[in-house]
C-alpha atoms as a PDB file:
ATOM      1  CA  MET A   1      60.240 -42.473 -25.623  1.00  0.00           C
ATOM      2  CA  LYS A   2      63.963 -41.980 -26.285  1.00  0.00           C
ATOM      3  CA  LEU A   3      66.161 -44.910 -27.317  1.00  0.00           C
ATOM      4  CA  ASP A   4      69.943 -45.365 -27.276  1.00  0.00           C
ATOM      5  CA  LEU A   5      70.689 -47.876 -30.048  1.00  0.00           C
ATOM      6  CA  GLY A   6      73.574 -50.307 -29.547  1.00  0.00           C
ATOM      7  CA  CYS A   7      74.418 -48.725 -26.194  1.00  0.00           C
ATOM      8  CA  GLY A   8      76.117 -51.661 -24.501  1.00  0.00           C
ATOM      9  CA  TYR A   9      75.957 -51.167 -20.734  1.00  0.00           C
ATOM     10  CA  ASN A  10      76.119 -47.365 -21.007  1.00  0.00           C
ATOM     11  CA  ALA A  11      72.784 -45.958 -22.179  1.00  0.00           C
ATOM     12  CA  ARG A  12      72.768 -42.191 -22.572  1.00  0.00           C
ATOM     13  CA  GLN A  13      71.158 -40.407 -19.631  1.00  0.00           C
ATOM     14  CA  GLY A  14      67.439 -39.936 -20.252  1.00  0.00           C
ATOM     15  CA  TYR A  15      67.345 -42.688 -22.895  1.00  0.00           C
ATOM     16  CA  GLU A  16      66.266 -46.332 -22.694  1.00  0.00           C
ATOM     17  CA  GLY A  17      69.005 -48.749 -23.683  1.00  0.00           C
ATOM     18  CA  VAL A  18      68.674 -50.982 -26.743  1.00  0.00           C
ATOM     19  CA  ASP A  19      71.242 -53.741 -27.200  1.00  0.00           C
ATOM     20  CA  LEU A  20      71.263 -57.458 -27.977  1.00  0.00           C
ATOM     21  CA  PHE A  21      74.060 -58.411 -25.608  1.00  0.00           C
ATOM     22  CA  ALA A  22      73.862 -56.006 -22.638  1.00  0.00           C
ATOM     23  CA  ASN A  23      71.393 -56.090 -19.777  1.00  0.00           C
ATOM     24  CA  VAL A  24      69.267 -53.085 -20.828  1.00  0.00           C
ATOM     25  CA  GLN A  25      65.567 -52.173 -21.078  1.00  0.00           C
ATOM     26  CA  HIS A  26      65.210 -53.426 -24.671  1.00  0.00           C
ATOM     27  CA  LYS A  27      67.090 -56.578 -25.702  1.00  0.00           C
ATOM     28  CA  VAL A  28      66.699 -56.236 -29.481  1.00  0.00           C
ATOM     29  CA  ASN A  29      68.662 -57.437 -32.490  1.00  0.00           C
ATOM     30  CA  LEU A  30      69.021 -54.172 -34.407  1.00  0.00           C
ATOM     31  CA  PHE A  31      69.828 -56.115 -37.592  1.00  0.00           C
ATOM     32  CA  SER A  32      66.507 -57.955 -37.636  1.00  0.00           C
ATOM     33  CA  PHE A  33      63.624 -55.990 -39.105  1.00  0.00           C
ATOM     34  CA  PRO A  34      61.098 -54.662 -38.339  1.00  0.00           C
ATOM     35  CA  TRP A  35      61.960 -53.495 -34.847  1.00  0.00           C
ATOM     36  CA  PRO A  36      59.320 -53.847 -32.101  1.00  0.00           C
ATOM     37  CA  TRP A  37      58.324 -50.157 -32.064  1.00  0.00           C
ATOM     38  CA  GLU A  38      55.368 -48.742 -33.973  1.00  0.00           C
ATOM     39  CA  ASP A  39      55.686 -46.251 -36.828  1.00  0.00           C
ATOM     40  CA  SER A  40      56.318 -42.671 -35.596  1.00  0.00           C
ATOM     41  CA  SER A  41      56.337 -43.747 -31.945  1.00  0.00           C
ATOM     42  CA  VAL A  42      59.807 -42.650 -30.771  1.00  0.00           C
ATOM     43  CA  ASP A  43      60.723 -39.079 -29.809  1.00  0.00           C
ATOM     44  CA  ALA A  44      64.504 -39.353 -30.165  1.00  0.00           C
ATOM     45  CA  LEU A  45      67.293 -41.790 -30.981  1.00  0.00           C
ATOM     46  CA  HIS A  46      70.942 -41.787 -30.042  1.00  0.00           C
ATOM     47  CA  SER A  47      73.801 -44.016 -31.121  1.00  0.00           C
ATOM     48  CA  SER A  48      77.434 -43.594 -30.152  1.00  0.00           C
ATOM     49  CA  HIS A  49      80.172 -45.669 -31.762  1.00  0.00           C
ATOM     50  CA  PHE A  50      77.796 -48.293 -33.122  1.00  0.00           C
ATOM     51  CA  LEU A  51      77.165 -47.548 -36.807  1.00  0.00           C
ATOM     52  CA  GLU A  52      80.777 -48.232 -37.751  1.00  0.00           C
ATOM     53  CA  HIS A  53      80.240 -51.860 -36.645  1.00  0.00           C
ATOM     54  CA  ILE A  54      77.369 -52.497 -39.097  1.00  0.00           C
ATOM     55  CA  SER A  55      78.473 -55.114 -41.615  1.00  0.00           C
ATOM     56  CA  THR A  56      78.592 -54.499 -45.343  1.00  0.00           C
ATOM     57  CA  THR A  57      75.930 -56.978 -46.372  1.00  0.00           C
ATOM     58  CA  TRP A  58      72.636 -56.535 -48.176  1.00  0.00           C
ATOM     59  CA  ILE A  59      69.178 -57.378 -46.833  1.00  0.00           C
ATOM     60  CA  THR A  60      66.383 -58.759 -49.021  1.00  0.00           C
ATOM     61  CA  PRO A  61      62.755 -57.704 -48.413  1.00  0.00           C
ATOM     62  CA  ASP A  62      62.161 -60.997 -46.573  1.00  0.00           C
ATOM     63  CA  GLY A  63      65.122 -60.332 -44.249  1.00  0.00           C
ATOM     64  CA  ARG A  64      67.766 -62.622 -45.741  1.00  0.00           C
ATOM     65  CA  GLU A  65      71.383 -61.456 -45.881  1.00  0.00           C
ATOM     66  CA  VAL A  66      73.063 -61.543 -49.280  1.00  0.00           C
ATOM     67  CA  LEU A  67      76.560 -60.439 -50.305  1.00  0.00           C
ATOM     68  CA  SER A  68      75.313 -58.269 -53.158  1.00  0.00           C
ATOM     69  CA  PRO A  69      71.887 -57.029 -54.280  1.00  0.00           C
ATOM     70  CA  THR A  70      69.751 -59.483 -56.224  1.00  0.00           C
ATOM     71  CA  SER A  71      66.703 -57.226 -56.751  1.00  0.00           C
ATOM     72  CA  PRO A  72      65.900 -53.488 -56.741  1.00  0.00           C
ATOM     73  CA  ASP A  73      64.233 -53.910 -53.326  1.00  0.00           C
ATOM     74  CA  ASP A  74      67.367 -55.226 -51.581  1.00  0.00           C
ATOM     75  CA  ARG A  75      68.968 -52.740 -49.185  1.00  0.00           C
ATOM     76  CA  ASP A  76      72.449 -52.274 -47.835  1.00  0.00           C
ATOM     77  CA  LEU A  77      72.288 -53.136 -44.115  1.00  0.00           C
ATOM     78  CA  LEU A  78      73.231 -49.607 -43.000  1.00  0.00           C
ATOM     79  CA  CYS A  79      70.540 -48.146 -45.265  1.00  0.00           C
ATOM     80  CA  ARG A  80      67.979 -50.634 -43.940  1.00  0.00           C
ATOM     81  CA  PHE A  81      69.008 -49.666 -40.383  1.00  0.00           C
ATOM     82  CA  MET A  82      68.574 -45.964 -41.207  1.00  0.00           C
ATOM     83  CA  ASP A  83      65.194 -46.612 -42.846  1.00  0.00           C
ATOM     84  CA  GLU A  84      64.076 -48.353 -39.661  1.00  0.00           C
ATOM     85  CA  CYS A  85      65.237 -45.408 -37.534  1.00  0.00           C
ATOM     86  CA  TRP A  86      63.239 -43.093 -39.784  1.00  0.00           C
ATOM     87  CA  ARG A  87      60.180 -45.363 -39.589  1.00  0.00           C
ATOM     88  CA  ILE A  88      59.996 -45.368 -35.787  1.00  0.00           C
ATOM     89  CA  LEU A  89      60.888 -41.689 -35.255  1.00  0.00           C
ATOM     90  CA  LYS A  90      58.113 -39.136 -34.936  1.00  0.00           C
ATOM     91  CA  PRO A  91      58.165 -36.304 -37.494  1.00  0.00           C
ATOM     92  CA  GLY A  92      60.718 -33.790 -36.214  1.00  0.00           C
ATOM     93  CA  GLY A  93      62.311 -36.445 -33.999  1.00  0.00           C
ATOM     94  CA  GLU A  94      66.074 -36.232 -33.662  1.00  0.00           C
ATOM     95  CA  PHE A  95      68.662 -38.931 -34.153  1.00  0.00           C
ATOM     96  CA  SER A  96      72.065 -38.042 -32.684  1.00  0.00           C
ATOM     97  CA  ILE A  97      75.013 -40.102 -33.876  1.00  0.00           C
ATOM     98  CA  ILE A  98      78.690 -40.192 -32.968  1.00  0.00           C
ATOM     99  CA  VAL A  99      81.046 -42.167 -35.219  1.00  0.00           C
ATOM    100  CA  PRO A 100      84.799 -42.100 -35.798  1.00  0.00           C
ATOM    101  CA  SER A 101      85.977 -39.913 -38.650  1.00  0.00           C
ATOM    102  CA  ALA A 102      87.370 -41.835 -41.609  1.00  0.00           C
ATOM    103  CA  ARG A 103      90.269 -39.377 -41.503  1.00  0.00           C
ATOM    104  CA  SER A 104      91.293 -40.613 -38.071  1.00  0.00           C
ATOM    105  CA  ASN A 105      93.228 -43.568 -36.724  1.00  0.00           C
ATOM    106  CA  ARG A 106      90.210 -44.123 -34.453  1.00  0.00           C
ATOM    107  CA  ALA A 107      88.233 -45.354 -37.458  1.00  0.00           C
ATOM    108  CA  PHE A 108      90.735 -48.088 -38.295  1.00  0.00           C
ATOM    109  CA  GLN A 109      92.261 -49.127 -34.973  1.00  0.00           C
ATOM    110  CA  ASP A 110      89.334 -51.382 -33.996  1.00  0.00           C
ATOM    111  CA  PRO A 111      89.348 -54.543 -36.142  1.00  0.00           C
ATOM    112  CA  THR A 112      85.551 -54.862 -35.748  1.00  0.00           C
ATOM    113  CA  HIS A 113      84.852 -51.587 -37.594  1.00  0.00           C
ATOM    114  CA  ARG A 114      83.199 -52.278 -40.946  1.00  0.00           C
ATOM    115  CA  ARG A 115      82.098 -48.753 -42.000  1.00  0.00           C
ATOM    116  CA  PHE A 116      84.040 -45.551 -42.418  1.00  0.00           C
ATOM    117  CA  PHE A 117      82.387 -42.129 -42.427  1.00  0.00           C
ATOM    118  CA  VAL A 118      83.290 -38.740 -43.820  1.00  0.00           C
ATOM    119  CA  ALA A 119      80.995 -35.783 -43.150  1.00  0.00           C
ATOM    120  CA  GLU A 120      79.367 -36.162 -46.567  1.00  0.00           C
ATOM    121  CA  SER A 121      78.373 -39.783 -45.887  1.00  0.00           C
ATOM    122  CA  PHE A 122      75.289 -38.599 -44.024  1.00  0.00           C
ATOM    123  CA  ASN A 123      73.923 -36.685 -47.033  1.00  0.00           C
ATOM    124  CA  TYR A 124      72.774 -40.033 -48.409  1.00  0.00           C
ATOM    125  CA  PHE A 125      70.042 -40.076 -45.747  1.00  0.00           C
ATOM    126  CA  ASN A 126      68.445 -36.894 -47.131  1.00  0.00           C
ATOM    127  CA  ARG A 127      65.901 -37.486 -49.912  1.00  0.00           C
ATOM    128  CA  ASN A 128      66.397 -34.103 -51.640  1.00  0.00           C
ATOM    129  CA  TRP A 129      70.165 -34.641 -51.798  1.00  0.00           C
ATOM    130  CA  ARG A 130      69.733 -38.156 -53.227  1.00  0.00           C
ATOM    131  CA  ASP A 131      67.285 -36.840 -55.826  1.00  0.00           C
ATOM    132  CA  SER A 132      69.612 -33.945 -56.727  1.00  0.00           C
ATOM    133  CA  ILE A 133      72.420 -36.326 -57.724  1.00  0.00           C
ATOM    134  CA  GLY A 134      70.125 -38.811 -59.451  1.00  0.00           C
ATOM    135  CA  ILE A 135      70.108 -41.655 -56.941  1.00  0.00           C
ATOM    136  CA  GLY A 136      66.661 -41.161 -55.428  1.00  0.00           C
ATOM    137  CA  HIS A 137      65.469 -44.418 -56.966  1.00  0.00           C
ATOM    138  CA  TYR A 138      67.589 -46.687 -54.789  1.00  0.00           C
ATOM    139  CA  LEU A 139      69.685 -46.948 -51.645  1.00  0.00           C
ATOM    140  CA  CYS A 140      67.172 -46.013 -48.940  1.00  0.00           C
ATOM    141  CA  HIS A 141      63.814 -44.388 -48.272  1.00  0.00           C
ATOM    142  CA  CYS A 142      64.606 -42.331 -45.176  1.00  0.00           C
ATOM    143  CA  ASP A 143      64.551 -38.554 -45.201  1.00  0.00           C
ATOM    144  CA  PHE A 144      66.498 -36.610 -42.593  1.00  0.00           C
ATOM    145  CA  ASP A 145      67.729 -33.048 -42.358  1.00  0.00           C
ATOM    146  CA  VAL A 146      71.469 -33.417 -41.766  1.00  0.00           C
ATOM    147  CA  ALA A 147      73.952 -31.477 -39.621  1.00  0.00           C
ATOM    148  CA  VAL A 148      77.488 -32.827 -39.126  1.00  0.00           C
ATOM    149  CA  ASN A 149      80.138 -31.317 -36.879  1.00  0.00           C
ATOM    150  CA  PRO A 150      83.676 -32.552 -36.281  1.00  0.00           C
ATOM    151  CA  ILE A 151      85.035 -33.504 -32.884  1.00  0.00           C
ATOM    152  CA  VAL A 152      88.631 -32.306 -33.016  1.00  0.00           C
ATOM    153  CA  PRO A 153      91.741 -32.423 -30.807  1.00  0.00           C
ATOM    154  CA  ASN A 154      91.833 -29.554 -28.292  1.00  0.00           C
ATOM    155  CA  GLU A 155      95.093 -28.142 -29.672  1.00  0.00           C
ATOM    156  CA  LEU A 156      93.422 -27.582 -33.054  1.00  0.00           C
ATOM    157  CA  LEU A 157      90.733 -25.368 -31.496  1.00  0.00           C
ATOM    158  CA  SER A 158      93.305 -22.741 -30.528  1.00  0.00           C
ATOM    159  CA  GLN A 159      94.404 -22.251 -34.139  1.00  0.00           C
ATOM    160  CA  PRO A 160      92.845 -19.683 -36.505  1.00  0.00           C
ATOM    161  CA  SER A 161      89.853 -20.915 -38.526  1.00  0.00           C
ATOM    162  CA  HIS A 162      91.700 -20.713 -41.866  1.00  0.00           C
ATOM    163  CA  VAL A 163      94.456 -22.955 -40.449  1.00  0.00           C
ATOM    164  CA  GLN A 164      91.851 -25.368 -39.074  1.00  0.00           C
ATOM    165  CA  GLU A 165      90.140 -25.550 -42.478  1.00  0.00           C
ATOM    166  CA  VAL A 166      93.381 -26.412 -44.304  1.00  0.00           C
ATOM    167  CA  ARG A 167      94.283 -29.036 -41.704  1.00  0.00           C
ATOM    168  CA  PHE A 168      90.768 -30.594 -41.926  1.00  0.00           C
ATOM    169  CA  LYS A 169      91.153 -31.062 -45.666  1.00  0.00           C
ATOM    170  CA  HIS A 170      94.767 -32.206 -45.881  1.00  0.00           C
ATOM    171  CA  GLU A 171      95.902 -33.783 -42.616  1.00  0.00           C
ATOM    172  CA  TRP A 172      95.184 -37.044 -40.891  1.00  0.00           C
ATOM    173  CA  ASN A 173      93.762 -37.125 -37.317  1.00  0.00           C
ATOM    174  CA  THR A 174      92.407 -33.567 -37.325  1.00  0.00           C
ATOM    175  CA  THR A 175      88.854 -34.863 -37.045  1.00  0.00           C
ATOM    176  CA  LEU A 176      88.537 -37.592 -34.441  1.00  0.00           C
ATOM    177  CA  ASP A 177      84.795 -38.221 -34.604  1.00  0.00           C
ATOM    178  CA  TRP A 178      81.683 -36.887 -36.288  1.00  0.00           C
ATOM    179  CA  ASN A 179      78.858 -35.522 -34.158  1.00  0.00           C
ATOM    180  CA  VAL A 180      75.770 -35.910 -36.342  1.00  0.00           C
ATOM    181  CA  LYS A 181      72.247 -34.599 -35.850  1.00  0.00           C
ATOM    182  CA  LEU A 182      69.545 -35.990 -38.110  1.00  0.00           C
ATOM    183  CA  VAL A 183      65.997 -34.612 -37.937  1.00  0.00           C
ATOM    184  CA  CYS A 184      63.206 -36.836 -39.222  1.00  0.00           C
ATOM    185  CA  ARG A 185      61.229 -35.426 -42.171  1.00  0.00           C
ATOM    186  CA  LYS A 186      57.919 -37.103 -43.029  1.00  0.00           C
END
């Protein structure tokens, strides 16, 4: 089984659509946990331009939303979402994600965007990385291998790599989106 999370009316080819509002195969509230799939039952996940809409609230173990954590078991909603993705993915299953780059107007132009991502944001979903900086005791439980690649304007691709690198670090709108591949480690 392959699922496209928050797909709207446009599920990725070869994937079953999951959305609360669109007429798709799985009408599921992706912010209510647990999801209806068994542990390690899904081969692949995809989500395009959905994660940036996840609100900045916290979820208690019993599913209540709170504005800030009240216990060590409370989870940021994005982290709880990622933990749920990890739970349902089979070991070695892939989760492909596309989100706007925080260094792009695309991230801020939509007033419903609540999250902003730089390439390093996805490191937080890797257990070894969290442990290496001393935050393995909180945040989330998921463990993914992480690969992040920029989606850039075509005119930037024709420039030498050293010019591209400088522009990536110092200029706005050189990365439009992030193309992320997470591989489930269990």
